[in-house]
C-alpha atoms as a PDB file:
ATOM      1  CA  UNK A   1      18.290  14.744 -31.107  1.00  0.00           C
ATOM      2  CA  UNK A   2      18.049  10.902 -31.233  1.00  0.00           C
ATOM      3  CA  UNK A   3      14.981   8.961 -29.957  1.00  0.00           C
ATOM      4  CA  UNK A   4      16.719   7.691 -26.828  1.00  0.00           C
ATOM      5  CA  UNK A   5      17.717  11.253 -25.779  1.00  0.00           C
ATOM      6  CA  UNK A   6      14.179  12.486 -26.351  1.00  0.00           C
ATOM      7  CA  UNK A   7      12.667   9.680 -24.247  1.00  0.00           C
ATOM      8  CA  UNK A   8      15.093  10.457 -21.426  1.00  0.00           C
ATOM      9  CA  UNK A   9      14.182  14.160 -21.510  1.00  0.00           C
ATOM     10  CA  UNK A  10      10.528  13.411 -21.406  1.00  0.00           C
ATOM     11  CA  UNK A  11      11.049  10.986 -18.511  1.00  0.00           C
ATOM     12  CA  UNK A  12      13.046  13.497 -16.568  1.00  0.00           C
ATOM     13  CA  UNK A  13      10.458  16.164 -17.238  1.00  0.00           C
ATOM     14  CA  UNK A  14       7.702  13.908 -16.042  1.00  0.00           C
ATOM     15  CA  UNK A  15       9.460  13.076 -12.874  1.00  0.00           C
ATOM     16  CA  UNK A  16      10.199  16.705 -12.176  1.00  0.00           C
ATOM     17  CA  UNK A  17       6.514  17.664 -12.662  1.00  0.00           C
ATOM     18  CA  UNK A  18       5.420  14.853 -10.301  1.00  0.00           C
ATOM     19  CA  UNK A  19       7.801  16.072  -7.628  1.00  0.00           C
ATOM     20  CA  UNK A  20       6.644  19.696  -8.186  1.00  0.00           C
ATOM     21  CA  UNK A  21       2.985  18.711  -7.843  1.00  0.00           C
ATOM     22  CA  UNK A  22       3.361  16.879  -4.593  1.00  0.00           C
ATOM     23  CA  UNK A  23       5.722  19.437  -3.069  1.00  0.00           C
ATOM     24  CA  UNK A  24       3.387  22.268  -4.009  1.00  0.00           C
ATOM     25  CA  UNK A  25       0.636  20.595  -1.965  1.00  0.00           C
ATOM     26  CA  UNK A  26       2.926  20.120   0.985  1.00  0.00           C
ATOM     27  CA  UNK A  27       4.163  23.721   0.785  1.00  0.00           C
ATOM     28  CA  UNK A  28       0.560  24.931   0.595  1.00  0.00           C
ATOM     29  CA  UNK A  29      -0.499  22.998   3.726  1.00  0.00           C
ATOM     30  CA  UNK A  30       2.754  23.831   5.549  1.00  0.00           C
ATOM     31  CA  UNK A  31       2.660  27.560   5.036  1.00  0.00           C
ATOM     32  CA  UNK A  32      -1.089  27.787   5.841  1.00  0.00           C
ATOM     33  CA  UNK A  33      -0.681  25.664   8.992  1.00  0.00           C
ATOM     34  CA  UNK A  34       2.194  27.880  10.158  1.00  0.00           C
ATOM     35  CA  UNK A  35       0.300  31.124   9.502  1.00  0.00           C
ATOM     36  CA  UNK A  36      -2.917  29.972  11.004  1.00  0.00           C
ATOM     37  CA  UNK A  37      -1.246  28.681  14.164  1.00  0.00           C
ATOM     38  CA  UNK A  38       0.616  31.925  14.636  1.00  0.00           C
ATOM     39  CA  UNK A  39      -2.848  33.459  14.833  1.00  0.00           C
ATOM     40  CA  UNK A  40      -3.906  30.711  17.230  1.00  0.00           C
ATOM     41  CA  UNK A  41      -0.924  31.441  19.370  1.00  0.00           C
ATOM     42  CA  UNK A  42      -2.131  35.019  19.731  1.00  0.00           C
ATOM     43  CA  UNK A  43       0.547  36.639  17.581  1.00  0.00           C
ATOM     44  CA  UNK A  44      -1.781  37.965  14.865  1.00  0.00           C
ATOM     45  CA  UNK A  45      -5.543  38.866  14.700  1.00  0.00           C
ATOM     46  CA  UNK A  46      -7.790  37.292  12.050  1.00  0.00           C
ATOM     47  CA  UNK A  47      -7.654  39.502   9.009  1.00  0.00           C
ATOM     48  CA  UNK A  48      -8.028  39.239   5.246  1.00  0.00           C
ATOM     49  CA  UNK A  49      -4.474  37.949   4.873  1.00  0.00           C
ATOM     50  CA  UNK A  50      -5.113  34.725   6.794  1.00  0.00           C
ATOM     51  CA  UNK A  51      -8.497  34.272   5.179  1.00  0.00           C
ATOM     52  CA  UNK A  52      -7.167  34.842   1.581  1.00  0.00           C
ATOM     53  CA  UNK A  53      -4.198  32.417   2.171  1.00  0.00           C
ATOM     54  CA  UNK A  54      -6.645  29.822   3.565  1.00  0.00           C
ATOM     55  CA  UNK A  55      -8.920  30.092   0.488  1.00  0.00           C
ATOM     56  CA  UNK A  56      -6.271  30.306  -2.308  1.00  0.00           C
ATOM     57  CA  UNK A  57      -3.108  28.522  -1.107  1.00  0.00           C
ATOM     58  CA  UNK A  58      -4.709  26.235   1.488  1.00  0.00           C
ATOM     59  CA  UNK A  59      -7.955  25.514  -0.358  1.00  0.00           C
ATOM     60  CA  UNK A  60      -7.874  26.035  -4.109  1.00  0.00           C
ATOM     61  CA  UNK A  61      -4.193  25.134  -4.572  1.00  0.00           C
ATOM     62  CA  UNK A  62      -4.365  21.898  -2.560  1.00  0.00           C
ATOM     63  CA  UNK A  63      -7.587  20.707  -4.232  1.00  0.00           C
ATOM     64  CA  UNK A  64      -5.847  21.356  -7.583  1.00  0.00           C
ATOM     65  CA  UNK A  65      -2.861  19.290  -6.474  1.00  0.00           C
ATOM     66  CA  UNK A  66      -5.215  16.543  -5.269  1.00  0.00           C
ATOM     67  CA  UNK A  67      -6.914  16.343  -8.651  1.00  0.00           C
ATOM     68  CA  UNK A  68      -3.513  16.122 -10.375  1.00  0.00           C
ATOM     69  CA  UNK A  69      -2.509  13.352  -8.014  1.00  0.00           C
ATOM     70  CA  UNK A  70      -5.673  11.599  -8.927  1.00  0.00           C
ATOM     71  CA  UNK A  71      -4.760  11.817 -12.578  1.00  0.00           C
ATOM     72  CA  UNK A  72      -1.390  10.167 -11.662  1.00  0.00           C
ATOM     73  CA  UNK A  73      -3.341   7.289  -9.988  1.00  0.00           C
ATOM     74  CA  UNK A  74      -1.934   8.446  -6.607  1.00  0.00           C
ATOM     75  CA  UNK A  75      -5.183   7.930  -4.729  1.00  0.00           C
ATOM     76  CA  UNK A  76      -3.636   8.469  -1.257  1.00  0.00           C
ATOM     77  CA  UNK A  77      -2.287  11.845  -2.376  1.00  0.00           C
ATOM     78  CA  UNK A  78      -5.545  12.761  -3.996  1.00  0.00           C
ATOM     79  CA  UNK A  79      -7.610  11.894  -0.888  1.00  0.00           C
ATOM     80  CA  UNK A  80      -5.191  13.814   1.413  1.00  0.00           C
ATOM     81  CA  UNK A  81      -4.726  16.952  -0.672  1.00  0.00           C
ATOM     82  CA  UNK A  82      -8.322  17.340  -1.742  1.00  0.00           C
ATOM     83  CA  UNK A  83      -9.650  16.665   1.847  1.00  0.00           C
ATOM     84  CA  UNK A  84      -7.224  19.129   3.505  1.00  0.00           C
ATOM     85  CA  UNK A  85      -7.954  21.728   0.808  1.00  0.00           C
ATOM     86  CA  UNK A  86     -11.610  21.448   1.703  1.00  0.00           C
ATOM     87  CA  UNK A  87     -10.623  21.573   5.372  1.00  0.00           C
ATOM     88  CA  UNK A  88      -9.051  25.026   4.878  1.00  0.00           C
ATOM     89  CA  UNK A  89     -12.032  26.262   2.928  1.00  0.00           C
ATOM     90  CA  UNK A  90     -14.414  25.102   5.653  1.00  0.00           C
ATOM     91  CA  UNK A  91     -12.297  26.688   8.316  1.00  0.00           C
ATOM     92  CA  UNK A  92     -12.395  30.054   6.448  1.00  0.00           C
ATOM     93  CA  UNK A  93     -16.137  29.551   6.190  1.00  0.00           C
ATOM     94  CA  UNK A  94     -16.491  29.590   9.994  1.00  0.00           C
ATOM     95  CA  UNK A  95     -15.199  33.115  10.092  1.00  0.00           C
ATOM     96  CA  UNK A  96     -16.751  34.522   6.819  1.00  0.00           C
ATOM     97  CA  UNK A  97     -20.214  33.034   6.682  1.00  0.00           C
ATOM     98  CA  UNK A  98     -21.549  34.343   9.966  1.00  0.00           C
ATOM     99  CA  UNK A  99     -20.241  37.814   9.017  1.00  0.00           C
ATOM    100  CA  UNK A 100     -22.196  37.563   5.766  1.00  0.00           C
ATOM    101  CA  UNK A 101     -25.343  36.653   7.616  1.00  0.00           C
ATOM    102  CA  UNK A 102     -25.270  32.933   7.077  1.00  0.00           C
ATOM    103  CA  UNK A 103     -25.564  31.075  10.421  1.00  0.00           C
ATOM    104  CA  UNK A 104     -23.766  31.792  13.697  1.00  0.00           C
ATOM    105  CA  UNK A 105     -20.220  31.264  14.830  1.00  0.00           C
ATOM    106  CA  UNK A 106     -19.973  27.601  16.009  1.00  0.00           C
ATOM    107  CA  UNK A 107     -19.610  27.228  19.804  1.00  0.00           C
ATOM    108  CA  UNK A 108     -16.617  25.509  21.407  1.00  0.00           C
ATOM    109  CA  UNK A 109     -18.204  22.076  21.599  1.00  0.00           C
ATOM    110  CA  UNK A 110     -19.070  22.086  18.009  1.00  0.00           C
ATOM    111  CA  UNK A 111     -15.499  23.126  17.119  1.00  0.00           C
ATOM    112  CA  UNK A 112     -14.149  20.452  19.451  1.00  0.00           C
ATOM    113  CA  UNK A 113     -16.208  17.704  17.599  1.00  0.00           C
ATOM    114  CA  UNK A 114     -15.151  19.200  14.271  1.00  0.00           C
ATOM    115  CA  UNK A 115     -11.370  19.023  15.052  1.00  0.00           C
ATOM    116  CA  UNK A 116     -11.774  15.551  16.710  1.00  0.00           C
ATOM    117  CA  UNK A 117     -13.405  14.197  13.470  1.00  0.00           C
ATOM    118  CA  UNK A 118     -10.511  15.655  11.463  1.00  0.00           C
ATOM    119  CA  UNK A 119      -8.140  14.054  13.845  1.00  0.00           C
ATOM    120  CA  UNK A 120      -9.774  10.629  13.291  1.00  0.00           C
ATOM    121  CA  UNK A 121      -9.671  11.119   9.487  1.00  0.00           C
ATOM    122  CA  UNK A 122      -5.933  11.995   9.685  1.00  0.00           C
ATOM    123  CA  UNK A 123      -5.307   8.892  11.833  1.00  0.00           C
ATOM    124  CA  UNK A 124      -6.979   6.797   9.143  1.00  0.00           C
ATOM    125  CA  UNK A 125      -4.688   8.367   6.541  1.00  0.00           C
ATOM    126  CA  UNK A 126      -1.698   7.651   8.732  1.00  0.00           C
ATOM    127  CA  UNK A 127      -2.709   4.067   9.438  1.00  0.00           C
ATOM    128  CA  UNK A 128      -3.201   3.393   5.651  1.00  0.00           C
ATOM    129  CA  UNK A 129       0.137   4.977   4.629  1.00  0.00           C
ATOM    130  CA  UNK A 130       2.505   2.291   3.448  1.00  0.00           C
ATOM    131  CA  UNK A 131       4.633   3.695   0.669  1.00  0.00           C
ATOM    132  CA  UNK A 132       4.994   7.323   1.696  1.00  0.00           C
ATOM    133  CA  UNK A 133       8.130   9.008   3.101  1.00  0.00           C
ATOM    134  CA  UNK A 134       8.924   9.165   6.747  1.00  0.00           C
ATOM    135  CA  UNK A 135       8.714  12.945   6.603  1.00  0.00           C
ATOM    136  CA  UNK A 136       5.059  12.748   5.393  1.00  0.00           C
ATOM    137  CA  UNK A 137       4.287  10.255   8.107  1.00  0.00           C
ATOM    138  CA  UNK A 138       5.687  12.721  10.542  1.00  0.00           C
ATOM    139  CA  UNK A 139       3.380  15.444   9.132  1.00  0.00           C
ATOM    140  CA  UNK A 140       0.338  13.204   9.596  1.00  0.00           C
ATOM    141  CA  UNK A 141       1.202  12.103  13.142  1.00  0.00           C
ATOM    142  CA  UNK A 142       1.795  15.723  13.993  1.00  0.00           C
ATOM    143  CA  UNK A 143      -1.596  16.610  12.688  1.00  0.00           C
ATOM    144  CA  UNK A 144      -3.297  13.764  14.662  1.00  0.00           C
ATOM    145  CA  UNK A 145      -1.765  15.231  17.832  1.00  0.00           C
ATOM    146  CA  UNK A 146      -2.738  18.816  16.743  1.00  0.00           C
ATOM    147  CA  UNK A 147      -6.308  17.995  16.073  1.00  0.00           C
ATOM    148  CA  UNK A 148      -6.742  15.916  19.255  1.00  0.00           C
ATOM    149  CA  UNK A 149      -5.180  18.609  21.477  1.00  0.00           C
ATOM    150  CA  UNK A 150      -7.091  21.404  19.760  1.00  0.00           C
ATOM    151  CA  UNK A 151     -10.316  19.503  20.282  1.00  0.00           C
ATOM    152  CA  UNK A 152      -9.489  19.078  23.900  1.00  0.00           C
ATOM    153  CA  UNK A 153      -8.641  22.777  24.231  1.00  0.00           C
ATOM    154  CA  UNK A 154     -11.971  23.770  22.757  1.00  0.00           C
ATOM    155  CA  UNK A 155     -13.913  21.341  24.992  1.00  0.00           C
ATOM    156  CA  UNK A 156     -12.235  22.464  28.126  1.00  0.00           C
ATOM    157  CA  UNK A 157     -11.897  26.161  27.284  1.00  0.00           C
ATOM    158  CA  UNK A 158      -8.269  25.969  28.439  1.00  0.00           C
ATOM    159  CA  UNK A 159      -6.111  28.773  26.927  1.00  0.00           C
ATOM    160  CA  UNK A 160      -2.977  26.762  27.836  1.00  0.00           C
ATOM    161  CA  UNK A 161      -4.020  23.729  25.987  1.00  0.00           C
ATOM    162  CA  UNK A 162      -5.085  25.870  23.020  1.00  0.00           C
ATOM    163  CA  UNK A 163      -1.606  27.406  22.917  1.00  0.00           C
ATOM    164  CA  UNK A 164       0.036  23.998  23.134  1.00  0.00           C
ATOM    165  CA  UNK A 165      -2.163  22.798  20.222  1.00  0.00           C
ATOM    166  CA  UNK A 166      -0.977  25.837  18.231  1.00  0.00           C
ATOM    167  CA  UNK A 167       2.699  24.837  18.714  1.00  0.00           C
ATOM    168  CA  UNK A 168       1.830  21.330  17.603  1.00  0.00           C
ATOM    169  CA  UNK A 169       0.279  22.884  14.472  1.00  0.00           C
ATOM    170  CA  UNK A 170       3.448  24.873  13.911  1.00  0.00           C
ATOM    171  CA  UNK A 171       5.526  21.688  14.238  1.00  0.00           C
ATOM    172  CA  UNK A 172       3.218  19.927  11.623  1.00  0.00           C
ATOM    173  CA  UNK A 173       3.496  22.959   9.228  1.00  0.00           C
ATOM    174  CA  UNK A 174       7.257  22.946   9.466  1.00  0.00           C
ATOM    175  CA  UNK A 175       7.344  19.094   8.842  1.00  0.00           C
ATOM    176  CA  UNK A 176       5.209  19.612   5.730  1.00  0.00           C
ATOM    177  CA  UNK A 177       7.612  22.346   4.496  1.00  0.00           C
ATOM    178  CA  UNK A 178      10.608  20.058   5.123  1.00  0.00           C
ATOM    179  CA  UNK A 179       8.939  17.196   3.352  1.00  0.00           C
ATOM    180  CA  UNK A 180       8.165  19.364   0.277  1.00  0.00           C
ATOM    181  CA  UNK A 181      11.699  20.620   0.282  1.00  0.00           C
ATOM    182  CA  UNK A 182      13.160  17.101   0.547  1.00  0.00           C
ATOM    183  CA  UNK A 183      11.046  15.883  -2.259  1.00  0.00           C
ATOM    184  CA  UNK A 184      12.292  18.623  -4.673  1.00  0.00           C
ATOM    185  CA  UNK A 185      16.023  18.627  -3.553  1.00  0.00           C
ATOM    186  CA  UNK A 186      16.400  14.818  -3.669  1.00  0.00           C
ATOM    187  CA  UNK A 187      14.753  14.728  -7.126  1.00  0.00           C
ATOM    188  CA  UNK A 188      16.954  17.562  -8.465  1.00  0.00           C
ATOM    189  CA  UNK A 189      20.157  15.851  -7.219  1.00  0.00           C
ATOM    190  CA  UNK A 190      19.099  12.367  -8.031  1.00  0.00           C
ATOM    191  CA  UNK A 191      20.084  11.125  -4.582  1.00  0.00           C
ATOM    192  CA  UNK A 192      19.143  11.452  -0.931  1.00  0.00           C
ATOM    193  CA  UNK A 193      20.356  14.899   0.188  1.00  0.00           C
ATOM    194  CA  UNK A 194      17.699  15.524   2.796  1.00  0.00           C
ATOM    195  CA  UNK A 195      16.783  12.255   4.667  1.00  0.00           C
ATOM    196  CA  UNK A 196      13.244  11.081   5.077  1.00  0.00           C
ATOM    197  CA  UNK A 197      12.103  12.529   1.810  1.00  0.00           C
ATOM    198  CA  UNK A 198      11.810   9.323  -0.146  1.00  0.00           C
ATOM    199  CA  UNK A 199       9.096   6.548   0.087  1.00  0.00           C
ATOM    200  CA  UNK A 200      10.109   3.543   1.928  1.00  0.00           C
END
């Protein structure tokens, strides 16, 4: 194997790994968002399945991806994935810690403020996003809408608004799955197969 061929192989492997890292984070967020909002829509009760997925695929996996993005000097990806990984862990904590005798379940106004703050953080990410794909921007703007509507639902106690927020969360989760899929497929084929998956 000559030197040029070896360098090409290393470069392709590196690009493939980078695509896999980012897409893994998007898949983790997307699947957890879809599963959690199916619960929010009233289709499933809270059980160990949702909690375990939130801890491991939503939390641990996304934090790991964020640290790998940091190693690649992708500070936007690092901030987004680490932060949302910790979001899933904190959300699971709301269910688990009171059951374990640590504190009480937060009331609706506290949850409203919690989701409103996350909506503001996501809006900051969206406004600072310059070189990311349109599909990821769609994920972020869907999340801004989700957090804002969910916050309103908690503040008003409206079941209808809460259900609408769940559907916005499902849309954001599907957008994240599409974005992760586009990242992998476009990298594998070396061209744009799924639109919106490449940075502008």
